[in-house]
Amino acid sequence: MQSEALDCCLTLPDWLWEEMAALPDCLPSREERLETVIRLSRLNVQKATGGPFAAGVFERDSGKLVMLAVNRVTPLACSSAHAEIMALSLAQKRLHTFDLGAPGLPAHELVVNWMCCAMCFGAVLWSGVRSLVVAGYGPEMEEITGFDEGPLPPDWQGELALRGIAFHGNGAREAALTVFRDFAQSGAPVYNSCRDKG
């Protein structure tokens, strides 16, 4: 096999940069932050730029917006381009640090429109965020959409707490589920790589 130079460049859709530019610098309440990521998850489906997921990194106490992102798996042909990975990676790039909990930085919070999959849960643990906020959690999203989110540790809330990450769940459950129902009816692809469970 001939050697070739490969790069991996994960990009956000142009419309998302426009959405971020239109937002205030700070979203002080968790309700506002959840409302924002749910709206972006809906737009991502409507604009056919990825799956029905969005995430944001904020300064926990002030609500200062650091980065918003959406799922980009299908347009980028990259199974790891989940909204959480995109948001955390771009926030770290923007702040020039691999550790969002590094000394001298304000506490950061990841806000997501549903509980993280197995991969993104691991990314949360290593990211340095001090809190995780999800619109909802439980089996409903998988039941509605057909996505396979993989296994979380049995005591996943304990694992977060062990690492000093506060958890806030079910803050906007019904609004998030509405987006998943709309996605299921849209005919957009469900991009599980392993469909045969037998």
N, C-alpha and C. Protein backbone atom coordinates (compact mmCIF):
# COMPACT_ATOMS: atom_id res chain seq x y z
N MET A 1 0.85 -1.18 0.00
CA MET A 1 0.00 0.00 0.00
C MET A 1 0.89 1.24 0.00
N GLN A 2 0.58 2.15 -0.87
CA GLN A 2 1.35 3.38 -0.95
C GLN A 2 0.96 4.29 0.20
N SER A 3 1.96 4.94 0.82
CA SER A 3 1.65 5.84 1.93
C SER A 3 0.99 7.10 1.40
N GLU A 4 0.11 7.65 2.22
CA GLU A 4 -0.56 8.89 1.85
C GLU A 4 -0.76 9.74 3.09
N ALA A 5 -0.75 11.04 2.88
CA ALA A 5 -0.97 11.95 4.00
C ALA A 5 -2.47 12.10 4.23
N LEU A 6 -2.89 11.89 5.47
CA LEU A 6 -4.30 12.03 5.81
C LEU A 6 -4.45 13.04 6.94
N ASP A 7 -5.47 13.85 6.85
CA ASP A 7 -5.82 14.76 7.91
C ASP A 7 -7.24 14.45 8.36
N CYS A 8 -7.53 14.76 9.60
CA CYS A 8 -8.90 14.63 10.11
C CYS A 8 -9.35 16.01 10.55
N CYS A 9 -10.28 16.57 9.82
CA CYS A 9 -10.76 17.93 10.13
C CYS A 9 -12.26 17.86 10.35
N LEU A 10 -12.67 18.11 11.58
CA LEU A 10 -14.09 18.06 11.93
C LEU A 10 -14.65 19.48 11.95
N THR A 11 -15.63 19.74 11.11
CA THR A 11 -16.14 21.09 10.93
C THR A 11 -17.62 21.18 11.28
N LEU A 12 -18.02 22.37 11.66
CA LEU A 12 -19.42 22.67 11.93
C LEU A 12 -20.06 23.27 10.67
N PRO A 13 -21.38 23.10 10.53
CA PRO A 13 -22.05 23.71 9.38
C PRO A 13 -22.06 25.25 9.50
N ASP A 14 -22.08 25.92 8.38
CA ASP A 14 -22.05 27.39 8.37
C ASP A 14 -23.20 28.00 9.16
N TRP A 15 -24.38 27.39 9.08
CA TRP A 15 -25.54 27.96 9.76
C TRP A 15 -25.33 28.01 11.27
N LEU A 16 -24.56 27.08 11.81
CA LEU A 16 -24.35 27.06 13.26
C LEU A 16 -23.50 28.25 13.72
N TRP A 17 -22.51 28.61 12.93
CA TRP A 17 -21.71 29.80 13.26
C TRP A 17 -22.60 31.04 13.26
N GLU A 18 -23.54 31.10 12.34
CA GLU A 18 -24.47 32.23 12.29
C GLU A 18 -25.37 32.24 13.52
N GLU A 19 -25.82 31.07 13.94
CA GLU A 19 -26.65 30.96 15.16
C GLU A 19 -25.86 31.43 16.38
N MET A 20 -24.60 31.00 16.48
CA MET A 20 -23.78 31.41 17.63
C MET A 20 -23.57 32.92 17.65
N ALA A 21 -23.35 33.50 16.49
CA ALA A 21 -23.12 34.95 16.40
C ALA A 21 -24.35 35.73 16.83
N ALA A 22 -25.53 35.15 16.66
CA ALA A 22 -26.77 35.84 17.00
C ALA A 22 -27.14 35.71 18.48
N LEU A 23 -26.48 34.81 19.19
CA LEU A 23 -26.79 34.60 20.61
C LEU A 23 -26.09 35.63 21.49
N PRO A 24 -26.65 35.89 22.67
CA PRO A 24 -25.91 36.74 23.62
C PRO A 24 -24.65 36.03 24.09
N ASP A 25 -23.70 36.79 24.63
CA ASP A 25 -22.44 36.20 25.10
C ASP A 25 -22.66 35.23 26.25
N CYS A 26 -23.70 35.49 27.06
CA CYS A 26 -23.98 34.66 28.23
C CYS A 26 -25.43 34.17 28.20
N LEU A 27 -25.63 32.93 28.59
CA LEU A 27 -26.96 32.38 28.83
C LEU A 27 -26.98 31.99 30.31
N PRO A 28 -27.46 32.89 31.17
CA PRO A 28 -27.29 32.72 32.61
C PRO A 28 -27.96 31.49 33.21
N SER A 29 -29.11 31.08 32.67
CA SER A 29 -29.83 29.96 33.29
C SER A 29 -29.62 28.66 32.53
N ARG A 30 -29.68 27.56 33.25
CA ARG A 30 -29.58 26.25 32.61
C ARG A 30 -30.75 26.03 31.65
N GLU A 31 -31.90 26.60 31.98
CA GLU A 31 -33.06 26.47 31.09
C GLU A 31 -32.76 27.08 29.72
N GLU A 32 -32.13 28.25 29.72
CA GLU A 32 -31.77 28.89 28.45
C GLU A 32 -30.76 28.06 27.67
N ARG A 33 -29.82 27.48 28.37
CA ARG A 33 -28.79 26.67 27.71
C ARG A 33 -29.42 25.41 27.10
N LEU A 34 -30.31 24.76 27.86
CA LEU A 34 -31.00 23.58 27.33
C LEU A 34 -31.88 23.94 26.14
N GLU A 35 -32.60 25.02 26.25
CA GLU A 35 -33.46 25.46 25.16
C GLU A 35 -32.64 25.68 23.89
N THR A 36 -31.45 26.24 24.05
CA THR A 36 -30.58 26.50 22.90
C THR A 36 -30.12 25.22 22.24
N VAL A 37 -29.63 24.25 23.01
CA VAL A 37 -29.13 23.02 22.38
C VAL A 37 -30.27 22.21 21.77
N ILE A 38 -31.44 22.25 22.37
CA ILE A 38 -32.59 21.54 21.77
C ILE A 38 -32.97 22.19 20.44
N ARG A 39 -32.99 23.50 20.39
CA ARG A 39 -33.30 24.19 19.14
C ARG A 39 -32.28 23.84 18.06
N LEU A 40 -31.00 23.80 18.44
CA LEU A 40 -29.96 23.46 17.47
C LEU A 40 -30.07 22.01 17.00
N SER A 41 -30.48 21.11 17.89
CA SER A 41 -30.66 19.71 17.48
C SER A 41 -31.77 19.61 16.44
N ARG A 42 -32.82 20.39 16.62
CA ARG A 42 -33.91 20.40 15.64
C ARG A 42 -33.43 20.97 14.30
N LEU A 43 -32.70 22.06 14.35
CA LEU A 43 -32.19 22.68 13.12
C LEU A 43 -31.24 21.75 12.38
N ASN A 44 -30.45 20.98 13.11
CA ASN A 44 -29.52 20.07 12.47
C ASN A 44 -30.24 19.03 11.63
N VAL A 45 -31.40 18.58 12.11
CA VAL A 45 -32.20 17.63 11.34
C VAL A 45 -32.86 18.34 10.17
N GLN A 46 -33.46 19.49 10.42
CA GLN A 46 -34.17 20.22 9.37
C GLN A 46 -33.25 20.61 8.23
N LYS A 47 -32.00 20.94 8.55
CA LYS A 47 -31.05 21.37 7.52
C LYS A 47 -30.23 20.22 6.96
N ALA A 48 -30.50 19.00 7.43
CA ALA A 48 -29.84 17.79 6.94
C ALA A 48 -28.31 17.89 7.06
N THR A 49 -27.85 18.40 8.21
CA THR A 49 -26.41 18.53 8.44
C THR A 49 -25.90 17.59 9.53
N GLY A 50 -26.72 16.59 9.90
CA GLY A 50 -26.30 15.63 10.91
C GLY A 50 -27.49 15.09 11.68
N GLY A 51 -27.18 14.31 12.72
CA GLY A 51 -28.22 13.69 13.53
C GLY A 51 -28.86 14.66 14.51
N PRO A 52 -29.86 14.19 15.27
CA PRO A 52 -30.67 15.06 16.13
C PRO A 52 -30.05 15.34 17.49
N PHE A 53 -28.79 15.78 17.47
CA PHE A 53 -28.09 16.00 18.73
C PHE A 53 -27.29 17.30 18.67
N ALA A 54 -27.26 18.00 19.80
CA ALA A 54 -26.49 19.24 19.92
C ALA A 54 -25.95 19.34 21.34
N ALA A 55 -24.87 20.08 21.48
CA ALA A 55 -24.23 20.24 22.79
C ALA A 55 -23.57 21.60 22.86
N GLY A 56 -23.39 22.08 24.08
CA GLY A 56 -22.72 23.35 24.27
C GLY A 56 -21.83 23.31 25.50
N VAL A 57 -20.72 24.01 25.41
CA VAL A 57 -19.83 24.22 26.55
C VAL A 57 -19.99 25.66 27.01
N PHE A 58 -20.25 25.82 28.29
CA PHE A 58 -20.46 27.13 28.90
C PHE A 58 -19.61 27.25 30.15
N GLU A 59 -19.28 28.48 30.52
CA GLU A 59 -18.79 28.69 31.88
C GLU A 59 -19.96 28.42 32.81
N ARG A 60 -19.76 27.53 33.75
CA ARG A 60 -20.87 27.05 34.58
C ARG A 60 -21.58 28.16 35.34
N ASP A 61 -20.83 29.05 35.97
CA ASP A 61 -21.44 30.02 36.87
C ASP A 61 -21.97 31.26 36.15
N SER A 62 -21.27 31.74 35.15
CA SER A 62 -21.69 32.96 34.45
C SER A 62 -22.60 32.66 33.27
N GLY A 63 -22.51 31.44 32.72
CA GLY A 63 -23.25 31.11 31.52
C GLY A 63 -22.60 31.60 30.25
N LYS A 64 -21.36 32.09 30.34
CA LYS A 64 -20.66 32.55 29.14
C LYS A 64 -20.53 31.40 28.15
N LEU A 65 -20.92 31.67 26.91
CA LEU A 65 -20.86 30.67 25.86
C LEU A 65 -19.43 30.49 25.38
N VAL A 66 -18.95 29.26 25.42
CA VAL A 66 -17.62 28.94 24.89
C VAL A 66 -17.74 28.33 23.51
N MET A 67 -18.62 27.31 23.35
CA MET A 67 -18.76 26.65 22.05
C MET A 67 -20.08 25.89 21.99
N LEU A 68 -20.70 25.92 20.84
CA LEU A 68 -21.86 25.08 20.54
C LEU A 68 -21.49 24.16 19.39
N ALA A 69 -22.11 22.99 19.34
CA ALA A 69 -21.83 22.06 18.26
C ALA A 69 -23.03 21.16 18.04
N VAL A 70 -23.04 20.53 16.88
CA VAL A 70 -24.08 19.57 16.52
C VAL A 70 -23.43 18.29 16.03
N ASN A 71 -24.23 17.24 15.97
CA ASN A 71 -23.76 15.96 15.46
C ASN A 71 -23.43 16.08 13.97
N ARG A 72 -22.26 15.52 13.57
CA ARG A 72 -21.80 15.63 12.18
C ARG A 72 -21.38 14.28 11.61
N VAL A 73 -21.90 13.19 12.17
CA VAL A 73 -21.45 11.85 11.78
C VAL A 73 -21.60 11.61 10.28
N THR A 74 -22.80 11.79 9.76
CA THR A 74 -23.03 11.41 8.35
C THR A 74 -22.36 12.36 7.36
N PRO A 75 -22.46 13.68 7.51
CA PRO A 75 -21.82 14.53 6.49
C PRO A 75 -20.30 14.47 6.49
N LEU A 76 -19.69 14.15 7.64
CA LEU A 76 -18.23 14.08 7.71
C LEU A 76 -17.70 12.67 7.60
N ALA A 77 -18.60 11.68 7.46
CA ALA A 77 -18.20 10.27 7.39
C ALA A 77 -17.26 9.91 8.54
N CYS A 78 -17.70 10.25 9.76
CA CYS A 78 -16.87 10.06 10.94
C CYS A 78 -17.76 9.65 12.11
N SER A 79 -17.63 8.40 12.55
CA SER A 79 -18.52 7.90 13.60
C SER A 79 -18.30 8.58 14.95
N SER A 80 -17.16 9.24 15.14
CA SER A 80 -16.91 9.91 16.42
C SER A 80 -17.34 11.37 16.44
N ALA A 81 -17.90 11.87 15.34
CA ALA A 81 -18.27 13.29 15.26
C ALA A 81 -19.62 13.55 15.93
N HIS A 82 -19.76 13.08 17.17
CA HIS A 82 -20.96 13.35 17.95
C HIS A 82 -20.93 14.78 18.47
N ALA A 83 -22.08 15.29 18.81
CA ALA A 83 -22.18 16.69 19.24
C ALA A 83 -21.28 16.98 20.45
N GLU A 84 -21.25 16.05 21.42
CA GLU A 84 -20.44 16.29 22.61
C GLU A 84 -18.95 16.34 22.28
N ILE A 85 -18.49 15.40 21.43
CA ILE A 85 -17.08 15.38 21.03
C ILE A 85 -16.73 16.67 20.30
N MET A 86 -17.62 17.09 19.40
CA MET A 86 -17.39 18.33 18.64
C MET A 86 -17.31 19.53 19.59
N ALA A 87 -18.27 19.63 20.52
CA ALA A 87 -18.31 20.78 21.42
C ALA A 87 -17.09 20.82 22.34
N LEU A 88 -16.76 19.68 22.94
CA LEU A 88 -15.62 19.64 23.86
C LEU A 88 -14.31 19.91 23.11
N SER A 89 -14.13 19.28 21.97
CA SER A 89 -12.89 19.45 21.22
C SER A 89 -12.69 20.89 20.75
N LEU A 90 -13.75 21.49 20.25
CA LEU A 90 -13.64 22.87 19.76
C LEU A 90 -13.51 23.86 20.90
N ALA A 91 -14.15 23.58 22.04
CA ALA A 91 -13.97 24.43 23.22
C ALA A 91 -12.52 24.39 23.69
N GLN A 92 -11.94 23.19 23.73
CA GLN A 92 -10.54 23.06 24.14
C GLN A 92 -9.62 23.77 23.16
N LYS A 93 -9.93 23.65 21.88
CA LYS A 93 -9.13 24.35 20.86
C LYS A 93 -9.23 25.86 21.05
N ARG A 94 -10.45 26.33 21.29
CA ARG A 94 -10.67 27.78 21.46
C ARG A 94 -9.94 28.31 22.69
N LEU A 95 -9.89 27.51 23.75
CA LEU A 95 -9.27 27.95 25.00
C LEU A 95 -7.80 27.51 25.11
N HIS A 96 -7.30 26.83 24.08
CA HIS A 96 -5.89 26.40 24.03
C HIS A 96 -5.51 25.52 25.22
N THR A 97 -6.38 24.54 25.52
CA THR A 97 -6.10 23.62 26.62
C THR A 97 -6.80 22.30 26.36
N PHE A 98 -6.15 21.21 26.76
CA PHE A 98 -6.81 19.89 26.70
C PHE A 98 -7.65 19.64 27.94
N ASP A 99 -7.58 20.54 28.93
CA ASP A 99 -8.23 20.32 30.23
C ASP A 99 -9.10 21.52 30.56
N LEU A 100 -10.42 21.36 30.41
CA LEU A 100 -11.34 22.46 30.70
C LEU A 100 -11.48 22.72 32.20
N GLY A 101 -10.82 21.90 33.02
CA GLY A 101 -10.81 22.11 34.46
C GLY A 101 -9.44 22.52 34.97
N ALA A 102 -8.58 23.01 34.08
CA ALA A 102 -7.22 23.37 34.46
C ALA A 102 -7.20 24.53 35.46
N PRO A 103 -6.18 24.60 36.32
CA PRO A 103 -6.06 25.71 37.27
C PRO A 103 -6.10 27.05 36.55
N GLY A 104 -6.82 27.98 37.15
CA GLY A 104 -6.93 29.32 36.57
C GLY A 104 -8.11 29.50 35.63
N LEU A 105 -8.75 28.39 35.23
CA LEU A 105 -9.92 28.49 34.37
C LEU A 105 -11.20 28.47 35.21
N PRO A 106 -12.26 29.15 34.74
CA PRO A 106 -13.54 29.00 35.42
C PRO A 106 -14.07 27.58 35.23
N ALA A 107 -14.97 27.15 36.09
CA ALA A 107 -15.59 25.84 35.94
C ALA A 107 -16.43 25.83 34.67
N HIS A 108 -16.32 24.74 33.91
CA HIS A 108 -17.08 24.63 32.67
C HIS A 108 -18.14 23.54 32.78
N GLU A 109 -19.18 23.73 31.96
CA GLU A 109 -20.35 22.85 31.99
C GLU A 109 -20.67 22.41 30.57
N LEU A 110 -20.96 21.14 30.40
CA LEU A 110 -21.42 20.62 29.12
C LEU A 110 -22.93 20.43 29.19
N VAL A 111 -23.63 20.98 28.21
CA VAL A 111 -25.09 20.90 28.14
C VAL A 111 -25.45 20.15 26.86
N VAL A 112 -26.29 19.10 26.99
CA VAL A 112 -26.60 18.22 25.87
C VAL A 112 -28.10 17.98 25.81
N ASN A 113 -28.61 17.73 24.60
CA ASN A 113 -30.06 17.54 24.47
C ASN A 113 -30.53 16.12 24.81
N TRP A 114 -29.61 15.23 25.21
CA TRP A 114 -29.98 13.93 25.80
C TRP A 114 -28.73 13.35 26.43
N MET A 115 -28.88 12.33 27.25
CA MET A 115 -27.75 11.72 27.93
C MET A 115 -26.73 11.19 26.92
N CYS A 116 -25.48 11.31 27.27
CA CYS A 116 -24.37 10.93 26.39
C CYS A 116 -24.38 9.43 26.10
N CYS A 117 -23.87 9.08 24.92
CA CYS A 117 -23.62 7.69 24.57
C CYS A 117 -22.37 7.21 25.33
N ALA A 118 -22.03 5.94 25.12
CA ALA A 118 -20.86 5.38 25.82
C ALA A 118 -19.57 6.14 25.47
N MET A 119 -19.38 6.46 24.21
CA MET A 119 -18.17 7.17 23.79
C MET A 119 -18.11 8.57 24.40
N CYS A 120 -19.21 9.29 24.31
CA CYS A 120 -19.21 10.67 24.79
C CYS A 120 -19.15 10.76 26.31
N PHE A 121 -19.69 9.73 26.98
CA PHE A 121 -19.56 9.68 28.44
C PHE A 121 -18.08 9.65 28.82
N GLY A 122 -17.31 8.82 28.12
CA GLY A 122 -15.87 8.78 28.38
C GLY A 122 -15.22 10.12 28.11
N ALA A 123 -15.63 10.79 27.04
CA ALA A 123 -15.06 12.10 26.71
C ALA A 123 -15.37 13.13 27.80
N VAL A 124 -16.56 13.04 28.38
CA VAL A 124 -16.92 13.95 29.47
C VAL A 124 -15.97 13.75 30.65
N LEU A 125 -15.71 12.49 31.00
CA LEU A 125 -14.84 12.21 32.14
C LEU A 125 -13.45 12.80 31.96
N TRP A 126 -12.93 12.79 30.73
CA TRP A 126 -11.56 13.25 30.49
C TRP A 126 -11.47 14.72 30.11
N SER A 127 -12.60 15.38 29.92
CA SER A 127 -12.59 16.74 29.36
C SER A 127 -12.21 17.83 30.35
N GLY A 128 -12.49 17.59 31.63
CA GLY A 128 -12.25 18.63 32.63
C GLY A 128 -13.49 19.44 32.99
N VAL A 129 -14.65 19.16 32.37
CA VAL A 129 -15.86 19.89 32.76
C VAL A 129 -16.23 19.54 34.19
N ARG A 130 -16.88 20.48 34.86
CA ARG A 130 -17.26 20.28 36.25
C ARG A 130 -18.74 19.95 36.42
N SER A 131 -19.51 20.07 35.34
CA SER A 131 -20.90 19.63 35.42
C SER A 131 -21.41 19.21 34.06
N LEU A 132 -22.35 18.27 34.08
CA LEU A 132 -23.01 17.76 32.89
C LEU A 132 -24.50 17.99 33.06
N VAL A 133 -25.09 18.67 32.10
CA VAL A 133 -26.52 18.98 32.11
C VAL A 133 -27.15 18.33 30.89
N VAL A 134 -28.17 17.50 31.10
CA VAL A 134 -28.84 16.85 29.98
C VAL A 134 -30.33 17.15 30.03
N ALA A 135 -30.92 17.25 28.84
CA ALA A 135 -32.36 17.51 28.76
C ALA A 135 -33.15 16.34 29.31
N GLY A 136 -32.63 15.13 29.12
CA GLY A 136 -33.30 13.94 29.61
C GLY A 136 -32.39 12.74 29.52
N TYR A 137 -32.79 11.66 30.16
CA TYR A 137 -32.04 10.40 30.06
C TYR A 137 -33.00 9.25 30.28
N GLY A 138 -32.57 8.08 29.83
CA GLY A 138 -33.43 6.90 29.87
C GLY A 138 -33.52 6.30 28.48
N PRO A 139 -34.31 5.22 28.34
CA PRO A 139 -34.35 4.47 27.08
C PRO A 139 -35.19 5.10 25.98
N GLU A 140 -35.93 6.14 26.29
CA GLU A 140 -36.92 6.65 25.34
C GLU A 140 -36.31 7.10 24.01
N MET A 141 -35.17 7.78 24.06
CA MET A 141 -34.57 8.26 22.81
C MET A 141 -34.24 7.10 21.89
N GLU A 142 -33.62 6.04 22.44
CA GLU A 142 -33.27 4.88 21.62
C GLU A 142 -34.53 4.19 21.10
N GLU A 143 -35.55 4.10 21.93
CA GLU A 143 -36.80 3.46 21.50
C GLU A 143 -37.45 4.23 20.36
N ILE A 144 -37.41 5.54 20.41
CA ILE A 144 -38.04 6.38 19.39
C ILE A 144 -37.25 6.37 18.09
N THR A 145 -35.93 6.50 18.19
CA THR A 145 -35.10 6.72 16.99
C THR A 145 -34.46 5.46 16.43
N GLY A 146 -34.15 4.49 17.27
CA GLY A 146 -33.42 3.32 16.83
C GLY A 146 -31.92 3.43 16.97
N PHE A 147 -31.42 4.56 17.51
CA PHE A 147 -29.98 4.69 17.75
C PHE A 147 -29.54 3.73 18.85
N ASP A 148 -28.32 3.23 18.74
CA ASP A 148 -27.71 2.39 19.77
C ASP A 148 -26.65 3.23 20.47
N GLU A 149 -26.89 3.57 21.74
CA GLU A 149 -26.00 4.45 22.48
C GLU A 149 -24.90 3.72 23.24
N GLY A 150 -24.95 2.40 23.24
CA GLY A 150 -23.92 1.64 23.93
C GLY A 150 -24.12 1.63 25.44
N PRO A 151 -23.31 0.84 26.15
CA PRO A 151 -23.50 0.68 27.59
C PRO A 151 -22.79 1.76 28.39
N LEU A 152 -23.48 2.30 29.38
CA LEU A 152 -22.86 3.16 30.38
C LEU A 152 -22.52 2.31 31.60
N PRO A 153 -21.57 2.75 32.43
CA PRO A 153 -21.31 2.02 33.67
C PRO A 153 -22.59 1.91 34.50
N PRO A 154 -22.79 0.81 35.20
CA PRO A 154 -24.00 0.66 36.01
C PRO A 154 -24.23 1.84 36.95
N ASP A 155 -23.15 2.34 37.56
CA ASP A 155 -23.26 3.49 38.46
C ASP A 155 -22.65 4.73 37.79
N TRP A 156 -23.22 5.09 36.63
CA TRP A 156 -22.61 6.19 35.87
C TRP A 156 -22.70 7.52 36.62
N GLN A 157 -23.75 7.75 37.39
CA GLN A 157 -23.81 9.00 38.15
C GLN A 157 -22.73 9.01 39.23
N GLY A 158 -22.47 7.84 39.84
CA GLY A 158 -21.41 7.74 40.82
C GLY A 158 -20.04 7.98 40.20
N GLU A 159 -19.85 7.50 38.96
CA GLU A 159 -18.57 7.72 38.27
C GLU A 159 -18.35 9.20 37.99
N LEU A 160 -19.40 9.90 37.63
CA LEU A 160 -19.29 11.35 37.44
C LEU A 160 -18.91 12.02 38.76
N ALA A 161 -19.64 11.68 39.82
CA ALA A 161 -19.40 12.30 41.12
C ALA A 161 -17.99 12.02 41.62
N LEU A 162 -17.50 10.80 41.37
CA LEU A 162 -16.16 10.41 41.79
C LEU A 162 -15.10 11.34 41.18
N ARG A 163 -15.40 11.88 40.01
CA ARG A 163 -14.47 12.76 39.31
C ARG A 163 -14.82 14.23 39.46
N GLY A 164 -15.71 14.53 40.38
CA GLY A 164 -16.05 15.92 40.67
C GLY A 164 -16.92 16.57 39.62
N ILE A 165 -17.72 15.76 38.91
CA ILE A 165 -18.59 16.29 37.86
C ILE A 165 -20.04 16.20 38.35
N ALA A 166 -20.67 17.33 38.57
CA ALA A 166 -22.06 17.36 39.01
C ALA A 166 -22.97 16.99 37.83
N PHE A 167 -24.08 16.33 38.13
CA PHE A 167 -25.02 15.92 37.08
C PHE A 167 -26.37 16.56 37.32
N HIS A 168 -26.94 17.10 36.24
CA HIS A 168 -28.28 17.69 36.26
C HIS A 168 -29.05 17.09 35.10
N GLY A 169 -30.11 16.32 35.41
CA GLY A 169 -30.83 15.61 34.35
C GLY A 169 -32.30 15.93 34.29
N ASN A 170 -32.90 15.60 33.14
CA ASN A 170 -34.33 15.75 32.91
C ASN A 170 -34.81 17.20 33.01
N GLY A 171 -33.96 18.13 32.56
CA GLY A 171 -34.34 19.55 32.62
C GLY A 171 -35.29 19.99 31.54
N ALA A 172 -35.38 19.24 30.44
CA ALA A 172 -36.28 19.63 29.34
C ALA A 172 -36.64 18.38 28.53
N ARG A 173 -37.06 17.38 29.23
CA ARG A 173 -37.26 16.04 28.68
C ARG A 173 -38.23 16.02 27.50
N GLU A 174 -39.40 16.57 27.67
CA GLU A 174 -40.43 16.48 26.62
C GLU A 174 -40.04 17.25 25.38
N ALA A 175 -39.40 18.40 25.56
CA ALA A 175 -38.95 19.18 24.39
C ALA A 175 -37.92 18.39 23.59
N ALA A 176 -37.01 17.71 24.28
CA ALA A 176 -36.00 16.90 23.60
C ALA A 176 -36.64 15.72 22.88
N LEU A 177 -37.59 15.06 23.52
CA LEU A 177 -38.23 13.90 22.91
C LEU A 177 -39.03 14.28 21.66
N THR A 178 -39.57 15.48 21.64
CA THR A 178 -40.30 15.95 20.45
C THR A 178 -39.39 15.99 19.23
N VAL A 179 -38.14 16.44 19.43
CA VAL A 179 -37.18 16.46 18.31
C VAL A 179 -36.90 15.05 17.84
N PHE A 180 -36.75 14.11 18.76
CA PHE A 180 -36.47 12.73 18.37
C PHE A 180 -37.64 12.12 17.61
N ARG A 181 -38.85 12.45 18.02
CA ARG A 181 -40.03 11.94 17.29
C ARG A 181 -40.05 12.52 15.87
N ASP A 182 -39.76 13.80 15.75
CA ASP A 182 -39.71 14.42 14.42
C ASP A 182 -38.63 13.78 13.56
N PHE A 183 -37.47 13.50 14.17
CA PHE A 183 -36.39 12.84 13.44
C PHE A 183 -36.84 11.48 12.95
N ALA A 184 -37.50 10.70 13.80
CA ALA A 184 -37.94 9.35 13.45
C ALA A 184 -38.90 9.38 12.26
N GLN A 185 -39.72 10.42 12.18
CA GLN A 185 -40.68 10.55 11.09
C GLN A 185 -40.07 11.13 9.82
N SER A 186 -38.85 11.67 9.92
CA SER A 186 -38.25 12.37 8.79
C SER A 186 -37.67 11.43 7.73
N GLY A 187 -37.39 10.18 8.12
CA GLY A 187 -36.75 9.26 7.19
C GLY A 187 -35.24 9.43 7.11
N ALA A 188 -34.66 10.29 7.95
CA ALA A 188 -33.21 10.47 7.96
C ALA A 188 -32.54 9.18 8.44
N PRO A 189 -31.30 8.94 8.01
CA PRO A 189 -30.65 7.66 8.36
C PRO A 189 -30.32 7.54 9.84
N VAL A 190 -30.51 6.34 10.35
CA VAL A 190 -30.04 5.98 11.69
C VAL A 190 -28.73 5.25 11.47
N TYR A 191 -27.63 5.85 11.94
CA TYR A 191 -26.31 5.43 11.50
C TYR A 191 -25.59 4.53 12.50
N ASN A 192 -26.28 3.49 12.98
CA ASN A 192 -25.59 2.48 13.79
C ASN A 192 -24.71 1.65 12.89
N SER A 193 -23.47 1.42 13.30
CA SER A 193 -22.58 0.60 12.48
C SER A 193 -22.86 -0.88 12.64
N CYS A 194 -23.26 -1.32 13.82
CA CYS A 194 -23.51 -2.74 14.08
C CYS A 194 -25.00 -2.97 14.22
N ARG A 195 -25.63 -3.34 13.13
CA ARG A 195 -27.09 -3.51 13.17
C ARG A 195 -27.50 -4.92 13.57
N ASP A 196 -26.64 -5.88 13.31
CA ASP A 196 -26.97 -7.28 13.62
C ASP A 196 -26.59 -7.59 15.06
N LYS A 197 -27.58 -7.72 15.91
CA LYS A 197 -27.32 -7.97 17.33
C LYS A 197 -27.27 -9.47 17.63
N GLY A 198 -27.50 -10.30 16.62
CA GLY A 198 -27.59 -11.74 16.85
C GLY A 198 -26.24 -12.41 16.90
